[in-house]
Amino acid sequence: MSDLFCVVDREEGGREAAQAADVALHPLFTITELGIGREPESA
């Protein structure tokens, strides 16, 4: 497999994991483009 398609890249490391596996990630949208903010993780 050389390409991975997804609807939303949640920007939580998936792109980097795909690149490490020599796979190109092709999201339709990123969470940033959709204007969805992630809640900060509590300590």
N, C-alpha and C. Protein backbone atom coordinates (compact mmCIF):
# COMPACT_ATOMS: atom_id res chain seq x y z
N MET A 1 0.86 -1.16 0.00
CA MET A 1 0.00 0.00 0.00
C MET A 1 0.91 1.23 0.00
N SER A 2 0.59 2.20 -0.83
CA SER A 2 1.41 3.40 -0.89
C SER A 2 0.62 4.68 -0.58
N ASP A 3 -0.70 4.59 -0.57
CA ASP A 3 -1.54 5.76 -0.32
C ASP A 3 -2.66 5.39 0.66
N LEU A 4 -2.96 6.33 1.55
CA LEU A 4 -4.02 6.16 2.53
C LEU A 4 -4.95 7.36 2.44
N PHE A 5 -6.23 7.12 2.20
CA PHE A 5 -7.21 8.18 2.10
C PHE A 5 -8.10 8.15 3.33
N CYS A 6 -8.41 9.35 3.86
CA CYS A 6 -9.32 9.43 5.00
C CYS A 6 -10.18 10.69 4.86
N VAL A 7 -11.24 10.74 5.61
CA VAL A 7 -12.14 11.89 5.56
C VAL A 7 -11.56 13.04 6.38
N VAL A 8 -11.17 12.78 7.64
CA VAL A 8 -10.66 13.83 8.52
C VAL A 8 -9.33 13.39 9.14
N ASP A 9 -8.31 14.20 8.94
CA ASP A 9 -7.05 14.01 9.65
C ASP A 9 -7.20 14.75 10.97
N ARG A 10 -7.20 14.00 12.06
CA ARG A 10 -7.38 14.60 13.39
C ARG A 10 -6.12 15.29 13.89
N GLU A 11 -5.05 15.23 13.11
CA GLU A 11 -3.79 15.88 13.46
C GLU A 11 -3.27 15.40 14.82
N GLU A 12 -3.31 14.10 15.00
CA GLU A 12 -2.84 13.50 16.25
C GLU A 12 -1.71 12.51 15.99
N GLY A 13 -0.96 12.74 14.89
CA GLY A 13 0.19 11.90 14.62
C GLY A 13 0.01 10.87 13.52
N GLY A 14 -1.17 10.80 12.95
CA GLY A 14 -1.42 9.83 11.89
C GLY A 14 -0.58 10.06 10.65
N ARG A 15 -0.41 11.32 10.27
CA ARG A 15 0.39 11.63 9.09
C ARG A 15 1.84 11.17 9.28
N GLU A 16 2.37 11.44 10.46
CA GLU A 16 3.75 11.03 10.75
C GLU A 16 3.88 9.51 10.77
N ALA A 17 2.88 8.84 11.34
CA ALA A 17 2.91 7.37 11.39
C ALA A 17 2.83 6.79 9.98
N ALA A 18 2.01 7.39 9.14
CA ALA A 18 1.90 6.93 7.75
C ALA A 18 3.23 7.16 7.02
N GLN A 19 3.83 8.33 7.22
CA GLN A 19 5.11 8.61 6.58
C GLN A 19 6.19 7.64 7.03
N ALA A 20 6.17 7.27 8.31
CA ALA A 20 7.15 6.32 8.83
C ALA A 20 6.98 4.95 8.18
N ALA A 21 5.76 4.65 7.75
CA ALA A 21 5.48 3.38 7.07
C ALA A 21 5.58 3.53 5.56
N ASP A 22 6.10 4.68 5.10
CA ASP A 22 6.25 4.97 3.68
C ASP A 22 4.92 4.96 2.93
N VAL A 23 3.90 5.54 3.59
CA VAL A 23 2.56 5.64 3.03
C VAL A 23 2.17 7.12 3.00
N ALA A 24 1.61 7.58 1.89
CA ALA A 24 1.18 8.97 1.77
C ALA A 24 -0.26 9.10 2.26
N LEU A 25 -0.50 10.04 3.19
CA LEU A 25 -1.83 10.29 3.73
C LEU A 25 -2.51 11.38 2.90
N HIS A 26 -3.76 11.11 2.51
CA HIS A 26 -4.54 12.06 1.71
C HIS A 26 -5.89 12.30 2.39
N PRO A 27 -5.95 13.24 3.35
CA PRO A 27 -7.23 13.53 4.00
C PRO A 27 -8.07 14.49 3.14
N LEU A 28 -9.39 14.36 3.23
CA LEU A 28 -10.25 15.34 2.57
C LEU A 28 -10.21 16.66 3.34
N PHE A 29 -10.15 16.57 4.67
CA PHE A 29 -10.11 17.74 5.53
C PHE A 29 -9.18 17.45 6.70
N THR A 30 -8.70 18.53 7.32
CA THR A 30 -8.01 18.40 8.60
C THR A 30 -8.93 18.99 9.66
N ILE A 31 -8.68 18.63 10.90
CA ILE A 31 -9.49 19.16 11.99
C ILE A 31 -9.38 20.68 12.06
N THR A 32 -8.21 21.22 11.70
CA THR A 32 -8.01 22.67 11.68
C THR A 32 -8.86 23.32 10.59
N GLU A 33 -8.89 22.72 9.42
CA GLU A 33 -9.70 23.27 8.32
C GLU A 33 -11.19 23.30 8.67
N LEU A 34 -11.63 22.33 9.46
CA LEU A 34 -13.03 22.27 9.85
C LEU A 34 -13.34 23.20 11.01
N GLY A 35 -12.31 23.79 11.62
CA GLY A 35 -12.51 24.72 12.73
C GLY A 35 -12.92 24.03 14.01
N ILE A 36 -12.54 22.77 14.12
CA ILE A 36 -12.87 22.02 15.33
C ILE A 36 -11.66 22.05 16.24
N GLY A 37 -11.79 22.67 17.39
CA GLY A 37 -10.68 22.72 18.32
C GLY A 37 -10.70 21.51 19.23
N ARG A 38 -9.53 21.00 19.50
CA ARG A 38 -9.41 19.89 20.43
C ARG A 38 -9.32 20.44 21.83
N GLU A 39 -9.95 19.77 22.76
CA GLU A 39 -9.88 20.16 24.16
C GLU A 39 -8.50 19.85 24.70
N PRO A 40 -7.88 20.73 25.46
CA PRO A 40 -6.57 20.43 26.05
C PRO A 40 -6.70 19.26 27.01
N GLU A 41 -5.67 18.41 27.02
CA GLU A 41 -5.68 17.27 27.92
C GLU A 41 -5.47 17.76 29.35
N SER A 42 -6.23 17.20 30.27
CA SER A 42 -6.09 17.60 31.67
C SER A 42 -4.91 16.86 32.28
N ALA A 43 -4.27 17.50 33.25
CA ALA A 43 -3.07 16.93 33.88
C ALA A 43 -3.37 15.86 34.86
